[in-house]
PDB file of N, CA and C in Angstrom:
ATOM      1  N   MET A   1       0.820  -1.199   0.000  1.00  0.00           N
ATOM      2  CA  MET A   1       0.000   0.000   0.000  1.00  0.00           C
ATOM      3  C   MET A   1       0.860   1.258   0.000  1.00  0.00           C
ATOM      4  N   GLU A   2       1.921   1.262   0.766  1.00  0.00           N
ATOM      5  CA  GLU A   2       2.778   2.442   0.854  1.00  0.00           C
ATOM      6  C   GLU A   2       3.407   2.772  -0.496  1.00  0.00           C
ATOM      7  N   LEU A   3       3.857   1.778  -1.214  1.00  0.00           N
ATOM      8  CA  LEU A   3       4.494   2.000  -2.510  1.00  0.00           C
ATOM      9  C   LEU A   3       3.500   2.624  -3.490  1.00  0.00           C
ATOM     10  N   MET A   4       2.268   2.147  -3.456  1.00  0.00           N
ATOM     11  CA  MET A   4       1.219   2.701  -4.306  1.00  0.00           C
ATOM     12  C   MET A   4       1.025   4.190  -3.992  1.00  0.00           C
ATOM     13  N   ASN A   5       1.064   4.532  -2.730  1.00  0.00           N
ATOM     14  CA  ASN A   5       0.902   5.932  -2.333  1.00  0.00           C
ATOM     15  C   ASN A   5       2.088   6.778  -2.762  1.00  0.00           C
ATOM     16  N   GLN A   6       3.274   6.205  -2.761  1.00  0.00           N
ATOM     17  CA  GLN A   6       4.441   6.938  -3.239  1.00  0.00           C
ATOM     18  C   GLN A   6       4.306   7.238  -4.727  1.00  0.00           C
ATOM     19  N   VAL A   7       3.837   6.273  -5.486  1.00  0.00           N
ATOM     20  CA  VAL A   7       3.601   6.496  -6.915  1.00  0.00           C
ATOM     21  C   VAL A   7       2.585   7.629  -7.084  1.00  0.00           C
ATOM     22  N   ARG A   8       1.510   7.571  -6.322  1.00  0.00           N
ATOM     23  CA  ARG A   8       0.490   8.611  -6.386  1.00  0.00           C
ATOM     24  C   ARG A   8       1.064   9.968  -5.994  1.00  0.00           C
ATOM     25  N   GLY A   9       1.948   9.979  -5.005  1.00  0.00           N
ATOM     26  CA  GLY A   9       2.561  11.228  -4.553  1.00  0.00           C
ATOM     27  C   GLY A   9       3.410  11.875  -5.630  1.00  0.00           C
ATOM     28  N   TYR A  10       4.222  11.081  -6.305  1.00  0.00           N
ATOM     29  CA  TYR A  10       5.051  11.648  -7.379  1.00  0.00           C
ATOM     30  C   TYR A  10       4.189  12.113  -8.549  1.00  0.00           C
ATOM     31  N   HIS A  11       3.079  11.427  -8.786  1.00  0.00           N
ATOM     32  CA  HIS A  11       2.148  11.855  -9.824  1.00  0.00           C
ATOM     33  C   HIS A  11       1.542  13.213  -9.446  1.00  0.00           C
ATOM     34  N   PHE A  12       1.182  13.378  -8.190  1.00  0.00           N
ATOM     35  CA  PHE A  12       0.689  14.655  -7.681  1.00  0.00           C
ATOM     36  C   PHE A  12       1.742  15.746  -7.876  1.00  0.00           C
ATOM     37  N   LEU A  13       2.984  15.426  -7.527  1.00  0.00           N
ATOM     38  CA  LEU A  13       4.071  16.399  -7.639  1.00  0.00           C
ATOM     39  C   LEU A  13       4.278  16.828  -9.088  1.00  0.00           C
ATOM     40  N   LEU A  14       4.137  15.897 -10.018  1.00  0.00           N
ATOM     41  CA  LEU A  14       4.232  16.251 -11.430  1.00  0.00           C
ATOM     42  C   LEU A  14       3.189  17.320 -11.771  1.00  0.00           C
ATOM     43  N   GLY A  15       1.975  17.152 -11.267  1.00  0.00           N
ATOM     44  CA  GLY A  15       0.934  18.141 -11.511  1.00  0.00           C
ATOM     45  C   GLY A  15       1.294  19.507 -10.949  1.00  0.00           C
ATOM     46  N   VAL A  16       1.922  19.525  -9.790  1.00  0.00           N
ATOM     47  CA  VAL A  16       2.352  20.795  -9.190  1.00  0.00           C
ATOM     48  C   VAL A  16       3.413  21.452 -10.072  1.00  0.00           C
ATOM     49  N   PHE A  17       4.393  20.677 -10.501  1.00  0.00           N
ATOM     50  CA  PHE A  17       5.439  21.238 -11.373  1.00  0.00           C
ATOM     51  C   PHE A  17       4.840  21.798 -12.656  1.00  0.00           C
ATOM     52  N   ARG A  18       3.926  21.041 -13.255  1.00  0.00           N
ATOM     53  CA  ARG A  18       3.305  21.511 -14.500  1.00  0.00           C
ATOM     54  C   ARG A  18       2.531  22.798 -14.271  1.00  0.00           C
ATOM     55  N   SER A  19       1.815  22.861 -13.186  1.00  0.00           N
ATOM     56  CA  SER A  19       1.037  24.054 -12.875  1.00  0.00           C
ATOM     57  C   SER A  19       1.946  25.257 -12.631  1.00  0.00           C
ATOM     58  N   GLN A  20       2.971  25.064 -11.821  1.00  0.00           N
ATOM     59  CA  GLN A  20       3.831  26.175 -11.437  1.00  0.00           C
ATOM     60  C   GLN A  20       4.799  26.582 -12.548  1.00  0.00           C
ATOM     61  N   GLN A  21       4.874  25.778 -13.590  1.00  0.00           N
ATOM     62  CA  GLN A  21       5.700  26.144 -14.732  1.00  0.00           C
ATOM     63  C   GLN A  21       5.144  27.404 -15.402  1.00  0.00           C
ATOM     64  N   ASN A  22       3.869  27.688 -15.158  1.00  0.00           N
ATOM     65  CA  ASN A  22       3.224  28.872 -15.721  1.00  0.00           C
ATOM     66  C   ASN A  22       3.166  30.040 -14.744  1.00  0.00           C
ATOM     67  N   ASP A  23       3.674  29.837 -13.548  1.00  0.00           N
ATOM     68  CA  ASP A  23       3.682  30.892 -12.540  1.00  0.00           C
ATOM     69  C   ASP A  23       4.850  31.843 -12.822  1.00  0.00           C
ATOM     70  N   PRO A  24       4.611  33.156 -12.741  1.00  0.00           N
ATOM     71  CA  PRO A  24       5.680  34.107 -13.058  1.00  0.00           C
ATOM     72  C   PRO A  24       6.914  33.998 -12.167  1.00  0.00           C
ATOM     73  N   TYR A  25       6.750  33.534 -10.937  1.00  0.00           N
ATOM     74  CA  TYR A  25       7.896  33.453 -10.034  1.00  0.00           C
ATOM     75  C   TYR A  25       8.424  32.029  -9.902  1.00  0.00           C
ATOM     76  N   CYS A  26       7.543  31.073  -9.663  1.00  0.00           N
ATOM     77  CA  CYS A  26       7.990  29.683  -9.501  1.00  0.00           C
ATOM     78  C   CYS A  26       8.748  29.194 -10.732  1.00  0.00           C
ATOM     79  N   SER A  27       8.299  29.604 -11.903  1.00  0.00           N
ATOM     80  CA  SER A  27       8.879  29.095 -13.147  1.00  0.00           C
ATOM     81  C   SER A  27      10.337  29.491 -13.362  1.00  0.00           C
ATOM     82  N   ILE A  28      10.794  30.494 -12.633  1.00  0.00           N
ATOM     83  CA  ILE A  28      12.184  30.920 -12.780  1.00  0.00           C
ATOM     84  C   ILE A  28      12.974  30.789 -11.469  1.00  0.00           C
ATOM     85  N   CYS A  29      12.366  30.143 -10.496  1.00  0.00           N
ATOM     86  CA  CYS A  29      12.959  30.071  -9.162  1.00  0.00           C
ATOM     87  C   CYS A  29      13.932  28.894  -9.010  1.00  0.00           C
ATOM     88  N   SER A  30      14.955  29.115  -8.227  1.00  0.00           N
ATOM     89  CA  SER A  30      15.912  28.046  -7.946  1.00  0.00           C
ATOM     90  C   SER A  30      15.262  26.918  -7.162  1.00  0.00           C
ATOM     91  N   ALA A  31      14.240  27.213  -6.370  1.00  0.00           N
ATOM     92  CA  ALA A  31      13.528  26.156  -5.639  1.00  0.00           C
ATOM     93  C   ALA A  31      12.869  25.195  -6.616  1.00  0.00           C
ATOM     94  N   TYR A  32      12.319  25.706  -7.705  1.00  0.00           N
ATOM     95  CA  TYR A  32      11.711  24.871  -8.741  1.00  0.00           C
ATOM     96  C   TYR A  32      12.790  23.974  -9.358  1.00  0.00           C
ATOM     97  N   ALA A  33      13.882  24.573  -9.774  1.00  0.00           N
ATOM     98  CA  ALA A  33      14.961  23.818 -10.427  1.00  0.00           C
ATOM     99  C   ALA A  33      15.548  22.756  -9.503  1.00  0.00           C
ATOM    100  N   ASN A  34      15.851  23.126  -8.283  1.00  0.00           N
ATOM    101  CA  ASN A  34      16.468  22.186  -7.336  1.00  0.00           C
ATOM    102  C   ASN A  34      15.517  21.063  -6.945  1.00  0.00           C
ATOM    103  N   THR A  35      14.259  21.389  -6.727  1.00  0.00           N
ATOM    104  CA  THR A  35      13.290  20.377  -6.317  1.00  0.00           C
ATOM    105  C   THR A  35      12.978  19.440  -7.476  1.00  0.00           C
ATOM    106  N   LEU A  36      12.909  19.953  -8.687  1.00  0.00           N
ATOM    107  CA  LEU A  36      12.695  19.103  -9.863  1.00  0.00           C
ATOM    108  C   LEU A  36      13.836  18.099 -10.004  1.00  0.00           C
ATOM    109  N   LYS A  37      15.052  18.564  -9.844  1.00  0.00           N
ATOM    110  CA  LYS A  37      16.219  17.673  -9.930  1.00  0.00           C
ATOM    111  C   LYS A  37      16.155  16.594  -8.850  1.00  0.00           C
ATOM    112  N   THR A  38      15.846  16.993  -7.636  1.00  0.00           N
ATOM    113  CA  THR A  38      15.771  16.045  -6.530  1.00  0.00           C
ATOM    114  C   THR A  38      14.615  15.065  -6.711  1.00  0.00           C
ATOM    115  N   ALA A  39      13.484  15.545  -7.193  1.00  0.00           N
ATOM    116  CA  ALA A  39      12.330  14.666  -7.427  1.00  0.00           C
ATOM    117  C   ALA A  39      12.671  13.609  -8.468  1.00  0.00           C
ATOM    118  N   ARG A  40      13.344  13.999  -9.522  1.00  0.00           N
ATOM    119  CA  ARG A  40      13.761  13.033 -10.559  1.00  0.00           C
ATOM    120  C   ARG A  40      14.693  11.981  -9.951  1.00  0.00           C
ATOM    121  N   GLU A  41      15.643  12.430  -9.170  1.00  0.00           N
ATOM    122  CA  GLU A  41      16.599  11.507  -8.547  1.00  0.00           C
ATOM    123  C   GLU A  41      15.898  10.567  -7.575  1.00  0.00           C
ATOM    124  N   ASN A  42      15.009  11.111  -6.760  1.00  0.00           N
ATOM    125  CA  ASN A  42      14.303  10.285  -5.773  1.00  0.00           C
ATOM    126  C   ASN A  42      13.370   9.287  -6.426  1.00  0.00           C
ATOM    127  N   LEU A  43      12.716   9.683  -7.507  1.00  0.00           N
ATOM    128  CA  LEU A  43      11.844   8.753  -8.218  1.00  0.00           C
ATOM    129  C   LEU A  43      12.674   7.633  -8.844  1.00  0.00           C
ATOM    130  N   ALA A  44      13.826   7.969  -9.404  1.00  0.00           N
ATOM    131  CA  ALA A  44      14.708   6.943  -9.975  1.00  0.00           C
ATOM    132  C   ALA A  44      15.167   5.969  -8.890  1.00  0.00           C
ATOM    133  N   ALA A  45      15.491   6.483  -7.722  1.00  0.00           N
ATOM    134  CA  ALA A  45      15.909   5.622  -6.611  1.00  0.00           C
ATOM    135  C   ALA A  45      14.761   4.743  -6.139  1.00  0.00           C
ATOM    136  N   LEU A  46      13.556   5.294  -6.100  1.00  0.00           N
ATOM    137  CA  LEU A  46      12.377   4.517  -5.722  1.00  0.00           C
ATOM    138  C   LEU A  46      12.177   3.362  -6.703  1.00  0.00           C
ATOM    139  N   GLU A  47      12.305   3.652  -7.975  1.00  0.00           N
ATOM    140  CA  GLU A  47      12.137   2.616  -8.993  1.00  0.00           C
ATOM    141  C   GLU A  47      13.238   1.560  -8.912  1.00  0.00           C
ATOM    142  N   ALA A  48      14.467   1.990  -8.725  1.00  0.00           N
ATOM    143  CA  ALA A  48      15.582   1.051  -8.660  1.00  0.00           C
ATOM    144  C   ALA A  48      15.504   0.160  -7.425  1.00  0.00           C
ATOM    145  N   GLY A  49      15.092   0.722  -6.320  1.00  0.00           N
ATOM    146  CA  GLY A  49      15.048  -0.028  -5.066  1.00  0.00           C
ATOM    147  C   GLY A  49      13.812  -0.894  -4.882  1.00  0.00           C
ATOM    148  N   ASN A  50      12.837  -0.711  -5.749  1.00  0.00           N
ATOM    149  CA  ASN A  50      11.572  -1.437  -5.591  1.00  0.00           C
ATOM    150  C   ASN A  50      11.080  -2.041  -6.905  1.00  0.00           C
ATOM    151  N   ALA A  51      11.993  -2.381  -7.780  1.00  0.00           N
ATOM    152  CA  ALA A  51      11.614  -2.841  -9.120  1.00  0.00           C
ATOM    153  C   ALA A  51      10.641  -4.021  -9.078  1.00  0.00           C
ATOM    154  N   ASP A  52      10.914  -5.026  -8.249  1.00  0.00           N
ATOM    155  CA  ASP A  52      10.047  -6.206  -8.187  1.00  0.00           C
ATOM    156  C   ASP A  52       8.657  -5.852  -7.665  1.00  0.00           C
ATOM    157  N   ALA A  53       8.610  -5.083  -6.597  1.00  0.00           N
ATOM    158  CA  ALA A  53       7.322  -4.710  -6.012  1.00  0.00           C
ATOM    159  C   ALA A  53       6.529  -3.800  -6.952  1.00  0.00           C
ATOM    160  N   LEU A  54       7.212  -2.921  -7.646  1.00  0.00           N
ATOM    161  CA  LEU A  54       6.532  -2.038  -8.590  1.00  0.00           C
ATOM    162  C   LEU A  54       5.938  -2.826  -9.750  1.00  0.00           C
ATOM    163  N   ALA A  55       6.641  -3.857 -10.192  1.00  0.00           N
ATOM    164  CA  ALA A  55       6.144  -4.691 -11.291  1.00  0.00           C
ATOM    165  C   ALA A  55       4.861  -5.421 -10.915  1.00  0.00           C
ATOM    166  N   GLU A  56       4.656  -5.621  -9.630  1.00  0.00           N
ATOM    167  CA  GLU A  56       3.473  -6.332  -9.160  1.00  0.00           C
ATOM    168  C   GLU A  56       2.277  -5.411  -8.899  1.00  0.00           C
ATOM    169  N   LEU A  57       2.472  -4.119  -8.999  1.00  0.00           N
ATOM    170  CA  LEU A  57       1.368  -3.186  -8.778  1.00  0.00           C
ATOM    171  C   LEU A  57       0.330  -3.320  -9.888  1.00  0.00           C
ATOM    172  N   ASP A  58      -0.874  -2.938  -9.569  1.00  0.00           N
ATOM    173  CA  ASP A  58      -1.953  -2.886 -10.539  1.00  0.00           C
ATOM    174  C   ASP A  58      -1.517  -2.034 -11.740  1.00  0.00           C
ATOM    175  N   GLN A  59      -1.993  -2.388 -12.906  1.00  0.00           N
ATOM    176  CA  GLN A  59      -1.617  -1.710 -14.140  1.00  0.00           C
ATOM    177  C   GLN A  59      -1.912  -0.211 -14.093  1.00  0.00           C
ATOM    178  N   ARG A  60      -2.940   0.179 -13.368  1.00  0.00           N
ATOM    179  CA  ARG A  60      -3.254   1.614 -13.253  1.00  0.00           C
ATOM    180  C   ARG A  60      -2.090   2.376 -12.629  1.00  0.00           C
ATOM    181  N   PHE A  61      -1.426   1.752 -11.672  1.00  0.00           N
ATOM    182  CA  PHE A  61      -0.330   2.432 -10.985  1.00  0.00           C
ATOM    183  C   PHE A  61       0.983   2.320 -11.749  1.00  0.00           C
ATOM    184  N   THR A  62       1.207   1.208 -12.435  1.00  0.00           N
ATOM    185  CA  THR A  62       2.423   1.118 -13.254  1.00  0.00           C
ATOM    186  C   THR A  62       2.341   2.110 -14.410  1.00  0.00           C
ATOM    187  N   GLY A  63       1.144   2.281 -14.959  1.00  0.00           N
ATOM    188  CA  GLY A  63       0.956   3.287 -16.004  1.00  0.00           C
ATOM    189  C   GLY A  63       1.148   4.696 -15.470  1.00  0.00           C
ATOM    190  N   MET A  64       0.633   4.924 -14.261  1.00  0.00           N
ATOM    191  CA  MET A  64       0.802   6.227 -13.619  1.00  0.00           C
ATOM    192  C   MET A  64       2.279   6.512 -13.383  1.00  0.00           C
ATOM    193  N   LEU A  65       3.010   5.497 -12.948  1.00  0.00           N
ATOM    194  CA  LEU A  65       4.438   5.651 -12.696  1.00  0.00           C
ATOM    195  C   LEU A  65       5.186   5.972 -13.986  1.00  0.00           C
ATOM    196  N   SER A  66       4.887   5.247 -15.041  1.00  0.00           N
ATOM    197  CA  SER A  66       5.546   5.503 -16.333  1.00  0.00           C
ATOM    198  C   SER A  66       5.256   6.914 -16.822  1.00  0.00           C
ATOM    199  N   GLY A  67       4.007   7.321 -16.709  1.00  0.00           N
ATOM    200  CA  GLY A  67       3.633   8.666 -17.129  1.00  0.00           C
ATOM    201  C   GLY A  67       4.286   9.739 -16.285  1.00  0.00           C
ATOM    202  N   THR A  68       4.409   9.469 -15.005  1.00  0.00           N
ATOM    203  CA  THR A  68       5.041  10.431 -14.096  1.00  0.00           C
ATOM    204  C   THR A  68       6.520  10.574 -14.415  1.00  0.00           C
ATOM    205  N   ARG A  69       7.188   9.444 -14.610  1.00  0.00           N
ATOM    206  CA  ARG A  69       8.612   9.489 -14.964  1.00  0.00           C
ATOM    207  C   ARG A  69       8.811  10.274 -16.255  1.00  0.00           C
ATOM    208  N   ALA A  70       8.024   9.956 -17.265  1.00  0.00           N
ATOM    209  CA  ALA A  70       8.136  10.643 -18.555  1.00  0.00           C
ATOM    210  C   ALA A  70       7.822  12.132 -18.402  1.00  0.00           C
ATOM    211  N   GLY A  71       6.808  12.442 -17.602  1.00  0.00           N
ATOM    212  CA  GLY A  71       6.432  13.834 -17.395  1.00  0.00           C
ATOM    213  C   GLY A  71       7.511  14.639 -16.694  1.00  0.00           C
ATOM    214  N   LEU A  72       8.101  14.059 -15.655  1.00  0.00           N
ATOM    215  CA  LEU A  72       9.190  14.758 -14.951  1.00  0.00           C
ATOM    216  C   LEU A  72      10.392  14.948 -15.861  1.00  0.00           C
ATOM    217  N   ASP A  73      10.698  13.934 -16.652  1.00  0.00           N
ATOM    218  CA  ASP A  73      11.835  14.038 -17.577  1.00  0.00           C
ATOM    219  C   ASP A  73      11.599  15.094 -18.651  1.00  0.00           C
ATOM    220  N   ALA A  74      10.342  15.269 -19.052  1.00  0.00           N
ATOM    221  CA  ALA A  74      10.018  16.209 -20.117  1.00  0.00           C
ATOM    222  C   ALA A  74      10.000  17.664 -19.655  1.00  0.00           C
ATOM    223  N   LEU A  75       9.850  17.867 -18.354  1.00  0.00           N
ATOM    224  CA  LEU A  75       9.808  19.240 -17.847  1.00  0.00           C
ATOM    225  C   LEU A  75      11.158  19.916 -18.015  1.00  0.00           C
ATOM    226  N   SER A  76      11.104  21.140 -18.441  1.00  0.00           N
ATOM    227  CA  SER A  76      12.352  21.905 -18.510  1.00  0.00           C
ATOM    228  C   SER A  76      12.341  22.894 -17.363  1.00  0.00           C
ATOM    229  N   GLY A  77      13.348  22.822 -16.563  1.00  0.00           N
ATOM    230  CA  GLY A  77      13.463  23.761 -15.452  1.00  0.00           C
ATOM    231  C   GLY A  77      13.936  25.102 -15.961  1.00  0.00           C
ATOM    232  N   PRO A  78      14.002  26.070 -15.090  1.00  0.00           N
ATOM    233  CA  PRO A  78      14.467  27.398 -15.485  1.00  0.00           C
ATOM    234  C   PRO A  78      15.907  27.362 -15.980  1.00  0.00           C
ATOM    235  N   VAL A  79      16.185  28.154 -16.989  1.00  0.00           N
ATOM    236  CA  VAL A  79      17.530  28.205 -17.578  1.00  0.00           C
ATOM    237  C   VAL A  79      18.515  28.851 -16.605  1.00  0.00           C
ATOM    238  N   ASN A  80      18.159  29.983 -16.076  1.00  0.00           N
ATOM    239  CA  ASN A  80      18.997  30.692 -15.111  1.00  0.00           C
ATOM    240  C   ASN A  80      18.182  30.951 -13.843  1.00  0.00           C
ATOM    241  N   PRO A  81      17.983  29.907 -13.039  1.00  0.00           N
ATOM    242  CA  PRO A  81      17.122  30.076 -11.866  1.00  0.00           C
ATOM    243  C   PRO A  81      17.737  31.009 -10.831  1.00  0.00           C
ATOM    244  N   SER A  82      16.852  31.692 -10.139  1.00  0.00           N
ATOM    245  CA  SER A  82      17.302  32.528  -9.025  1.00  0.00           C
ATOM    246  C   SER A  82      16.242  32.481  -7.938  1.00  0.00           C
ATOM    247  N   GLY A  83      16.683  32.603  -6.710  1.00  0.00           N
ATOM    248  CA  GLY A  83      15.774  32.569  -5.572  1.00  0.00           C
ATOM    249  C   GLY A  83      14.831  33.755  -5.604  1.00  0.00           C
ATOM    250  N   GLN A  84      13.565  33.500  -5.793  1.00  0.00           N
ATOM    251  CA  GLN A  84      12.592  34.581  -5.922  1.00  0.00           C
ATOM    252  C   GLN A  84      12.257  35.233  -4.587  1.00  0.00           C
ATOM    253  N   LYS A  85      12.360  34.496  -3.498  1.00  0.00           N
ATOM    254  CA  LYS A  85      12.139  35.116  -2.173  1.00  0.00           C
ATOM    255  C   LYS A  85      13.297  36.053  -1.854  1.00  0.00           C
ATOM    256  N   LYS A  86      14.505  35.555  -2.104  1.00  0.00           N
ATOM    257  CA  LYS A  86      15.682  36.383  -1.814  1.00  0.00           C
ATOM    258  C   LYS A  86      15.697  37.651  -2.662  1.00  0.00           C
ATOM    259  N   ALA A  87      15.164  37.530  -3.876  1.00  0.00           N
ATOM    260  CA  ALA A  87      15.117  38.688  -4.768  1.00  0.00           C
ATOM    261  C   ALA A  87      13.981  39.643  -4.399  1.00  0.00           C
ATOM    262  N   GLY A  88      13.112  39.212  -3.474  1.00  0.00           N
ATOM    263  CA  GLY A  88      12.013  40.062  -3.048  1.00  0.00           C
ATOM    264  C   GLY A  88      10.790  39.990  -3.944  1.00  0.00           C
ATOM    265  N   ASN A  89      10.774  39.051  -4.856  1.00  0.00           N
ATOM    266  CA  ASN A  89       9.645  38.933  -5.778  1.00  0.00           C
ATOM    267  C   ASN A  89       8.507  38.101  -5.215  1.00  0.00           C
ATOM    268  N   CYS A  90       8.824  36.952  -4.655  1.00  0.00           N
ATOM    269  CA  CYS A  90       7.804  36.053  -4.124  1.00  0.00           C
ATOM    270  C   CYS A  90       7.333  36.599  -2.772  1.00  0.00           C
ATOM    271  N   LYS A  91       6.054  36.847  -2.682  1.00  0.00           N
ATOM    272  CA  LYS A  91       5.505  37.457  -1.466  1.00  0.00           C
ATOM    273  C   LYS A  91       4.780  36.448  -0.582  1.00  0.00           C
ATOM    274  N   LEU A  92       5.011  35.144  -0.810  1.00  0.00           N
ATOM    275  CA  LEU A  92       4.451  34.140   0.097  1.00  0.00           C
ATOM    276  C   LEU A  92       5.093  34.328   1.471  1.00  0.00           C
ATOM    277  N   PRO A  93       4.406  33.944   2.540  1.00  0.00           N
ATOM    278  CA  PRO A  93       4.984  34.100   3.879  1.00  0.00           C
ATOM    279  C   PRO A  93       6.332  33.384   4.007  1.00  0.00           C
ATOM    280  N   GLN A  94       7.138  33.881   4.887  1.00  0.00           N
ATOM    281  CA  GLN A  94       8.444  33.273   5.143  1.00  0.00           C
ATOM    282  C   GLN A  94       8.277  31.790   5.436  1.00  0.00           C
ATOM    283  N   GLY A  95       9.085  30.966   4.810  1.00  0.00           N
ATOM    284  CA  GLY A  95       9.040  29.526   5.032  1.00  0.00           C
ATOM    285  C   GLY A  95       7.982  28.799   4.220  1.00  0.00           C
ATOM    286  N   VAL A  96       7.229  29.524   3.395  1.00  0.00           N
ATOM    287  CA  VAL A  96       6.187  28.906   2.576  1.00  0.00           C
ATOM    288  C   VAL A  96       6.596  28.957   1.115  1.00  0.00           C
ATOM    289  N   CYS A  97       6.547  27.797   0.476  1.00  0.00           N
ATOM    290  CA  CYS A  97       6.880  27.684  -0.942  1.00  0.00           C
ATOM    291  C   CYS A  97       5.982  26.599  -1.529  1.00  0.00           C
ATOM    292  N   PHE A  98       5.273  26.922  -2.591  1.00  0.00           N
ATOM    293  CA  PHE A  98       4.380  25.937  -3.203  1.00  0.00           C
ATOM    294  C   PHE A  98       5.129  24.664  -3.593  1.00  0.00           C
ATOM    295  N   ILE A  99       6.278  24.821  -4.196  1.00  0.00           N
ATOM    296  CA  ILE A  99       7.059  23.680  -4.684  1.00  0.00           C
ATOM    297  C   ILE A  99       7.622  22.871  -3.520  1.00  0.00           C
ATOM    298  N   LYS A 100       8.296  23.542  -2.606  1.00  0.00           N
ATOM    299  CA  LYS A 100       8.918  22.835  -1.486  1.00  0.00           C
ATOM    300  C   LYS A 100       7.887  22.176  -0.577  1.00  0.00           C
ATOM    301  N   ALA A 101       6.762  22.838  -0.349  1.00  0.00           N
ATOM    302  CA  ALA A 101       5.716  22.271   0.510  1.00  0.00           C
ATOM    303  C   ALA A 101       5.121  21.020  -0.128  1.00  0.00           C
ATOM    304  N   SER A 102       4.931  21.046  -1.431  1.00  0.00           N
ATOM    305  CA  SER A 102       4.389  19.882  -2.139  1.00  0.00           C
ATOM    306  C   SER A 102       5.377  18.722  -2.095  1.00  0.00           C
ATOM    307  N   PHE A 103       6.647  19.021  -2.271  1.00  0.00           N
ATOM    308  CA  PHE A 103       7.670  17.977  -2.222  1.00  0.00           C
ATOM    309  C   PHE A 103       7.770  17.395  -0.815  1.00  0.00           C
ATOM    310  N   ALA A 104       7.673  18.246   0.192  1.00  0.00           N
ATOM    311  CA  ALA A 104       7.715  17.775   1.580  1.00  0.00           C
ATOM    312  C   ALA A 104       6.554  16.816   1.860  1.00  0.00           C
ATOM    313  N   LEU A 105       5.398  17.114   1.307  1.00  0.00           N
ATOM    314  CA  LEU A 105       4.237  16.233   1.465  1.00  0.00           C
ATOM    315  C   LEU A 105       4.530  14.860   0.870  1.00  0.00           C
ATOM    316  N   VAL A 106       5.091  14.834  -0.309  1.00  0.00           N
ATOM    317  CA  VAL A 106       5.420  13.562  -0.973  1.00  0.00           C
ATOM    318  C   VAL A 106       6.452  12.790  -0.160  1.00  0.00           C
ATOM    319  N   GLN A 107       7.406  13.465   0.407  1.00  0.00           N
ATOM    320  CA  GLN A 107       8.439  12.799   1.197  1.00  0.00           C
ATOM    321  C   GLN A 107       7.886  12.172   2.478  1.00  0.00           C
ATOM    322  N   GLN A 108       6.760  12.629   2.944  1.00  0.00           N
ATOM    323  CA  GLN A 108       6.151  12.073   4.156  1.00  0.00           C
ATOM    324  C   GLN A 108       5.436  10.773   3.892  1.00  0.00           C
ATOM    325  N   ILE A 109       5.195  10.471   2.642  1.00  0.00           N
ATOM    326  CA  ILE A 109       4.431   9.259   2.286  1.00  0.00           C
ATOM    327  C   ILE A 109       5.328   8.042   2.375  1.00  0.00           C
TER     328      ILE A 109
END
């Protein structure tokens, strides 16, 4: 059950990345670039460490996993990312970041 939820979590995270790719600040932020890189690495590690168990998941989840991997790989991060909070552009409260908060949620699963 936990592995299925991890697959679902990364699928959710893909949706966040796709959505925030259109945000004026997130789309050029170093948090977006760094978290995208880490998410790709963590998903690859999840797949490598659980290959047998993943193969046994219902087809709906193996398809979701394949689509998520392809989706994360297809995303292009910012070319020259910069911290939008540090630059004074992002006005979210201190310690709040759409990208980082979403990734933290996935890591709790």
